[in-house]
């Protein structure tokens, strides 16, 4: 089975910096920790992708 990790390649460094700044400034106002439904170690990527394909996971975060 083939999987690809798609990143954010349509924006420049400034956009990422601005987005991180917004997240940092508003972290107490919005529940950003609830945006990610699951967190997994990177070495479980195949299991995560399979679970996502089956509709069991949405908005997962892979942590190195």
PDB file of N, CA and C in Angstrom:
ATOM      1  N   UNK A   1       0.851  -1.168   0.000  1.00  0.00           N
ATOM      2  CA  UNK A   1       0.000   0.000   0.000  1.00  0.00           C
ATOM      3  C   UNK A   1       0.900   1.235   0.000  1.00  0.00           C
ATOM      4  N   UNK A   2       0.580   2.205  -0.826  1.00  0.00           N
ATOM      5  CA  UNK A   2       1.361   3.435  -0.939  1.00  0.00           C
ATOM      6  C   UNK A   2       0.651   4.575  -0.226  1.00  0.00           C
ATOM      7  N   UNK A   3       1.404   5.306   0.560  1.00  0.00           N
ATOM      8  CA  UNK A   3       0.868   6.498   1.224  1.00  0.00           C
ATOM      9  C   UNK A   3       1.838   7.652   1.021  1.00  0.00           C
ATOM     10  N   UNK A   4       1.307   8.814   0.984  1.00  0.00           N
ATOM     11  CA  UNK A   4       2.128  10.008   0.854  1.00  0.00           C
ATOM     12  C   UNK A   4       1.785  10.963   1.975  1.00  0.00           C
ATOM     13  N   UNK A   5       2.784  11.653   2.439  1.00  0.00           N
ATOM     14  CA  UNK A   5       2.560  12.713   3.420  1.00  0.00           C
ATOM     15  C   UNK A   5       2.619  14.022   2.649  1.00  0.00           C
ATOM     16  N   UNK A   6       1.526  14.732   2.661  1.00  0.00           N
ATOM     17  CA  UNK A   6       1.455  15.997   1.953  1.00  0.00           C
ATOM     18  C   UNK A   6       1.719  17.127   2.922  1.00  0.00           C
ATOM     19  N   UNK A   7       2.551  18.017   2.514  1.00  0.00           N
ATOM     20  CA  UNK A   7       2.886  19.135   3.385  1.00  0.00           C
ATOM     21  C   UNK A   7       2.339  20.437   2.845  1.00  0.00           C
ATOM     22  N   UNK A   8       2.711  21.467   3.493  1.00  0.00           N
ATOM     23  CA  UNK A   8       2.287  22.802   3.136  1.00  0.00           C
ATOM     24  C   UNK A   8       3.383  23.415   2.277  1.00  0.00           C
ATOM     25  N   UNK A   9       3.254  23.304   0.954  1.00  0.00           N
ATOM     26  CA  UNK A   9       4.315  23.831   0.100  1.00  0.00           C
ATOM     27  C   UNK A   9       3.863  25.014  -0.758  1.00  0.00           C
ATOM     28  N   UNK A  10       2.717  25.543  -0.491  1.00  0.00           N
ATOM     29  CA  UNK A  10       2.219  26.673  -1.270  1.00  0.00           C
ATOM     30  C   UNK A  10       2.433  28.005  -0.556  1.00  0.00           C
ATOM     31  N   UNK A  11       3.070  27.970   0.556  1.00  0.00           N
ATOM     32  CA  UNK A  11       3.260  29.183   1.340  1.00  0.00           C
ATOM     33  C   UNK A  11       4.734  29.353   1.669  1.00  0.00           C
ATOM     34  N   UNK A  12       5.130  30.571   1.827  1.00  0.00           N
ATOM     35  CA  UNK A  12       6.518  30.859   2.154  1.00  0.00           C
ATOM     36  C   UNK A  12       6.776  30.816   3.653  1.00  0.00           C
ATOM     37  N   UNK A  13       8.024  31.000   4.025  1.00  0.00           N
ATOM     38  CA  UNK A  13       8.404  30.988   5.444  1.00  0.00           C
ATOM     39  C   UNK A  13       7.643  32.031   6.251  1.00  0.00           C
ATOM     40  N   UNK A  14       7.439  33.175   5.639  1.00  0.00           N
ATOM     41  CA  UNK A  14       6.727  34.256   6.335  1.00  0.00           C
ATOM     42  C   UNK A  14       5.331  33.815   6.738  1.00  0.00           C
ATOM     43  N   UNK A  15       4.651  33.079   5.864  1.00  0.00           N
ATOM     44  CA  UNK A  15       3.298  32.624   6.167  1.00  0.00           C
ATOM     45  C   UNK A  15       3.293  31.650   7.340  1.00  0.00           C
ATOM     46  N   UNK A  16       4.261  30.747   7.369  1.00  0.00           N
ATOM     47  CA  UNK A  16       4.355  29.810   8.485  1.00  0.00           C
ATOM     48  C   UNK A  16       4.652  30.562   9.777  1.00  0.00           C
ATOM     49  N   UNK A  17       5.578  31.507   9.710  1.00  0.00           N
ATOM     50  CA  UNK A  17       5.907  32.311  10.886  1.00  0.00           C
ATOM     51  C   UNK A  17       4.680  33.073  11.388  1.00  0.00           C
ATOM     52  N   UNK A  18       3.930  33.672  10.460  1.00  0.00           N
ATOM     53  CA  UNK A  18       2.724  34.410  10.844  1.00  0.00           C
ATOM     54  C   UNK A  18       1.679  33.484  11.465  1.00  0.00           C
ATOM     55  N   UNK A  19       1.505  32.295  10.878  1.00  0.00           N
ATOM     56  CA  UNK A  19       0.524  31.341  11.415  1.00  0.00           C
ATOM     57  C   UNK A  19       0.914  30.889  12.818  1.00  0.00           C
ATOM     58  N   UNK A  20       2.189  30.593  13.021  1.00  0.00           N
ATOM     59  CA  UNK A  20       2.643  30.185  14.354  1.00  0.00           C
ATOM     60  C   UNK A  20       2.492  31.315  15.361  1.00  0.00           C
ATOM     61  N   UNK A  21       2.716  32.542  14.909  1.00  0.00           N
ATOM     62  CA  UNK A  21       2.534  33.696  15.788  1.00  0.00           C
ATOM     63  C   UNK A  21       1.071  33.831  16.206  1.00  0.00           C
ATOM     64  N   UNK A  22       0.158  33.650  15.269  1.00  0.00           N
ATOM     65  CA  UNK A  22      -1.276  33.717  15.591  1.00  0.00           C
ATOM     66  C   UNK A  22      -1.647  32.628  16.588  1.00  0.00           C
ATOM     67  N   UNK A  23      -1.159  31.409  16.351  1.00  0.00           N
ATOM     68  CA  UNK A  23      -1.440  30.310  17.284  1.00  0.00           C
ATOM     69  C   UNK A  23      -0.915  30.630  18.678  1.00  0.00           C
ATOM     70  N   UNK A  24       0.286  31.166  18.747  1.00  0.00           N
ATOM     71  CA  UNK A  24       0.877  31.485  20.051  1.00  0.00           C
ATOM     72  C   UNK A  24       0.100  32.595  20.759  1.00  0.00           C
ATOM     73  N   UNK A  25      -0.290  33.624  20.012  1.00  0.00           N
ATOM     74  CA  UNK A  25      -0.996  34.752  20.628  1.00  0.00           C
ATOM     75  C   UNK A  25      -2.414  34.415  21.057  1.00  0.00           C
ATOM     76  N   UNK A  26      -3.041  33.457  20.396  1.00  0.00           N
ATOM     77  CA  UNK A  26      -4.446  33.158  20.687  1.00  0.00           C
ATOM     78  C   UNK A  26      -4.639  31.803  21.367  1.00  0.00           C
ATOM     79  N   UNK A  27      -3.555  31.209  21.859  1.00  0.00           N
ATOM     80  CA  UNK A  27      -3.655  29.854  22.435  1.00  0.00           C
ATOM     81  C   UNK A  27      -4.577  29.782  23.642  1.00  0.00           C
ATOM     82  N   UNK A  28      -4.762  30.883  24.348  1.00  0.00           N
ATOM     83  CA  UNK A  28      -5.654  30.877  25.513  1.00  0.00           C
ATOM     84  C   UNK A  28      -7.105  31.181  25.125  1.00  0.00           C
ATOM     85  N   UNK A  29      -7.289  31.685  23.922  1.00  0.00           N
ATOM     86  CA  UNK A  29      -8.624  32.059  23.466  1.00  0.00           C
ATOM     87  C   UNK A  29      -9.339  30.917  22.740  1.00  0.00           C
ATOM     88  N   UNK A  30      -8.579  30.111  22.008  1.00  0.00           N
ATOM     89  CA  UNK A  30      -9.163  29.029  21.210  1.00  0.00           C
ATOM     90  C   UNK A  30      -8.585  27.680  21.636  1.00  0.00           C
ATOM     91  N   UNK A  31      -9.388  26.624  21.609  1.00  0.00           N
ATOM     92  CA  UNK A  31      -8.916  25.294  22.032  1.00  0.00           C
ATOM     93  C   UNK A  31      -8.171  24.557  20.910  1.00  0.00           C
ATOM     94  N   UNK A  32      -7.004  25.074  20.526  1.00  0.00           N
ATOM     95  CA  UNK A  32      -6.260  24.465  19.428  1.00  0.00           C
ATOM     96  C   UNK A  32      -5.872  23.017  19.715  1.00  0.00           C
ATOM     97  N   UNK A  33      -5.746  22.660  20.986  1.00  0.00           N
ATOM     98  CA  UNK A  33      -5.392  21.279  21.331  1.00  0.00           C
ATOM     99  C   UNK A  33      -6.501  20.303  20.945  1.00  0.00           C
ATOM    100  N   UNK A  34      -7.701  20.808  20.712  1.00  0.00           N
ATOM    101  CA  UNK A  34      -8.816  19.939  20.342  1.00  0.00           C
ATOM    102  C   UNK A  34      -8.960  19.777  18.831  1.00  0.00           C
ATOM    103  N   UNK A  35      -8.143  20.488  18.060  1.00  0.00           N
ATOM    104  CA  UNK A  35      -8.191  20.371  16.607  1.00  0.00           C
ATOM    105  C   UNK A  35      -7.690  19.000  16.169  1.00  0.00           C
ATOM    106  N   UNK A  36      -6.658  18.509  16.831  1.00  0.00           N
ATOM    107  CA  UNK A  36      -6.084  17.202  16.511  1.00  0.00           C
ATOM    108  C   UNK A  36      -6.846  16.144  17.290  1.00  0.00           C
ATOM    109  N   UNK A  37      -7.358  15.146  16.567  1.00  0.00           N
ATOM    110  CA  UNK A  37      -8.155  14.115  17.238  1.00  0.00           C
ATOM    111  C   UNK A  37      -7.295  13.021  17.857  1.00  0.00           C
ATOM    112  N   UNK A  38      -6.135  12.746  17.278  1.00  0.00           N
ATOM    113  CA  UNK A  38      -5.261  11.683  17.769  1.00  0.00           C
ATOM    114  C   UNK A  38      -3.798  12.085  17.556  1.00  0.00           C
ATOM    115  N   UNK A  39      -2.917  11.614  18.417  1.00  0.00           N
ATOM    116  CA  UNK A  39      -1.473  11.799  18.254  1.00  0.00           C
ATOM    117  C   UNK A  39      -0.814  10.429  18.275  1.00  0.00           C
ATOM    118  N   UNK A  40       0.107  10.225  17.326  1.00  0.00           N
ATOM    119  CA  UNK A  40       0.797   8.948  17.205  1.00  0.00           C
ATOM    120  C   UNK A  40       2.276   9.185  16.965  1.00  0.00           C
ATOM    121  N   UNK A  41       3.121   8.254  17.401  1.00  0.00           N
ATOM    122  CA  UNK A  41       4.536   8.352  17.049  1.00  0.00           C
ATOM    123  C   UNK A  41       4.711   8.080  15.552  1.00  0.00           C
ATOM    124  N   UNK A  42       5.705   8.699  14.966  1.00  0.00           N
ATOM    125  CA  UNK A  42       5.932   8.587  13.532  1.00  0.00           C
ATOM    126  C   UNK A  42       6.111   7.143  13.080  1.00  0.00           C
ATOM    127  N   UNK A  43       6.674   6.297  13.924  1.00  0.00           N
ATOM    128  CA  UNK A  43       6.905   4.907  13.511  1.00  0.00           C
ATOM    129  C   UNK A  43       5.614   4.092  13.392  1.00  0.00           C
ATOM    130  N   UNK A  44       4.477   4.666  13.761  1.00  0.00           N
ATOM    131  CA  UNK A  44       3.181   3.991  13.599  1.00  0.00           C
ATOM    132  C   UNK A  44       2.417   4.505  12.378  1.00  0.00           C
ATOM    133  N   UNK A  45       3.128   5.144  11.453  1.00  0.00           N
ATOM    134  CA  UNK A  45       2.472   5.792  10.319  1.00  0.00           C
ATOM    135  C   UNK A  45       1.617   4.830   9.496  1.00  0.00           C
ATOM    136  N   UNK A  46       2.083   3.605   9.280  1.00  0.00           N
ATOM    137  CA  UNK A  46       1.303   2.664   8.464  1.00  0.00           C
ATOM    138  C   UNK A  46      -0.019   2.309   9.129  1.00  0.00           C
ATOM    139  N   UNK A  47       0.004   2.089  10.437  1.00  0.00           N
ATOM    140  CA  UNK A  47      -1.229   1.776  11.161  1.00  0.00           C
ATOM    141  C   UNK A  47      -2.181   2.970  11.154  1.00  0.00           C
ATOM    142  N   UNK A  48      -1.620   4.161  11.302  1.00  0.00           N
ATOM    143  CA  UNK A  48      -2.432   5.381  11.304  1.00  0.00           C
ATOM    144  C   UNK A  48      -3.102   5.578   9.942  1.00  0.00           C
ATOM    145  N   UNK A  49      -2.337   5.401   8.874  1.00  0.00           N
ATOM    146  CA  UNK A  49      -2.900   5.562   7.531  1.00  0.00           C
ATOM    147  C   UNK A  49      -3.997   4.534   7.271  1.00  0.00           C
ATOM    148  N   UNK A  50      -3.796   3.301   7.719  1.00  0.00           N
ATOM    149  CA  UNK A  50      -4.816   2.266   7.535  1.00  0.00           C
ATOM    150  C   UNK A  50      -6.087   2.623   8.297  1.00  0.00           C
ATOM    151  N   UNK A  51      -5.937   3.083   9.533  1.00  0.00           N
ATOM    152  CA  UNK A  51      -7.103   3.471  10.335  1.00  0.00           C
ATOM    153  C   UNK A  51      -7.810   4.675   9.718  1.00  0.00           C
ATOM    154  N   UNK A  52      -7.032   5.598   9.160  1.00  0.00           N
ATOM    155  CA  UNK A  52      -7.635   6.760   8.505  1.00  0.00           C
ATOM    156  C   UNK A  52      -8.393   6.329   7.251  1.00  0.00           C
ATOM    157  N   UNK A  53      -7.818   5.426   6.479  1.00  0.00           N
ATOM    158  CA  UNK A  53      -8.500   4.927   5.279  1.00  0.00           C
ATOM    159  C   UNK A  53      -9.840   4.281   5.618  1.00  0.00           C
ATOM    160  N   UNK A  54      -9.927   3.679   6.796  1.00  0.00           N
ATOM    161  CA  UNK A  54     -11.160   3.016   7.231  1.00  0.00           C
ATOM    162  C   UNK A  54     -12.130   3.987   7.900  1.00  0.00           C
ATOM    163  N   UNK A  55     -11.723   5.250   8.040  1.00  0.00           N
ATOM    164  CA  UNK A  55     -12.591   6.256   8.626  1.00  0.00           C
ATOM    165  C   UNK A  55     -12.602   6.288  10.142  1.00  0.00           C
ATOM    166  N   UNK A  56     -11.620   5.633  10.777  1.00  0.00           N
ATOM    167  CA  UNK A  56     -11.572   5.598  12.240  1.00  0.00           C
ATOM    168  C   UNK A  56     -10.851   6.800  12.850  1.00  0.00           C
ATOM    169  N   UNK A  57     -10.093   7.509  12.041  1.00  0.00           N
ATOM    170  CA  UNK A  57      -9.285   8.619  12.540  1.00  0.00           C
ATOM    171  C   UNK A  57      -9.481   9.830  11.638  1.00  0.00           C
ATOM    172  N   UNK A  58      -9.613  10.988  12.248  1.00  0.00           N
ATOM    173  CA  UNK A  58      -9.596  12.253  11.515  1.00  0.00           C
ATOM    174  C   UNK A  58      -8.618  13.180  12.215  1.00  0.00           C
ATOM    175  N   UNK A  59      -7.962  13.991  11.466  1.00  0.00           N
ATOM    176  CA  UNK A  59      -7.034  14.998  11.997  1.00  0.00           C
ATOM    177  C   UNK A  59      -5.973  14.416  12.927  1.00  0.00           C
ATOM    178  N   UNK A  60      -5.278  13.411  12.480  1.00  0.00           N
ATOM    179  CA  UNK A  60      -4.214  12.815  13.282  1.00  0.00           C
ATOM    180  C   UNK A  60      -2.940  13.637  13.170  1.00  0.00           C
ATOM    181  N   UNK A  61      -2.144  13.578  14.204  1.00  0.00           N
ATOM    182  CA  UNK A  61      -0.848  14.231  14.228  1.00  0.00           C
ATOM    183  C   UNK A  61       0.210  13.162  14.440  1.00  0.00           C
ATOM    184  N   UNK A  62       1.245  13.181  13.599  1.00  0.00           N
ATOM    185  CA  UNK A  62       2.369  12.266  13.755  1.00  0.00           C
ATOM    186  C   UNK A  62       3.493  13.018  14.441  1.00  0.00           C
ATOM    187  N   UNK A  63       3.986  12.458  15.517  1.00  0.00           N
ATOM    188  CA  UNK A  63       5.015  13.112  16.324  1.00  0.00           C
ATOM    189  C   UNK A  63       6.335  12.378  16.139  1.00  0.00           C
ATOM    190  N   UNK A  64       7.390  13.085  15.693  1.00  0.00           N
ATOM    191  CA  UNK A  64       8.689  12.410  15.497  1.00  0.00           C
ATOM    192  C   UNK A  64       9.273  11.883  16.789  1.00  0.00           C
TER     193      UNK A  64
END
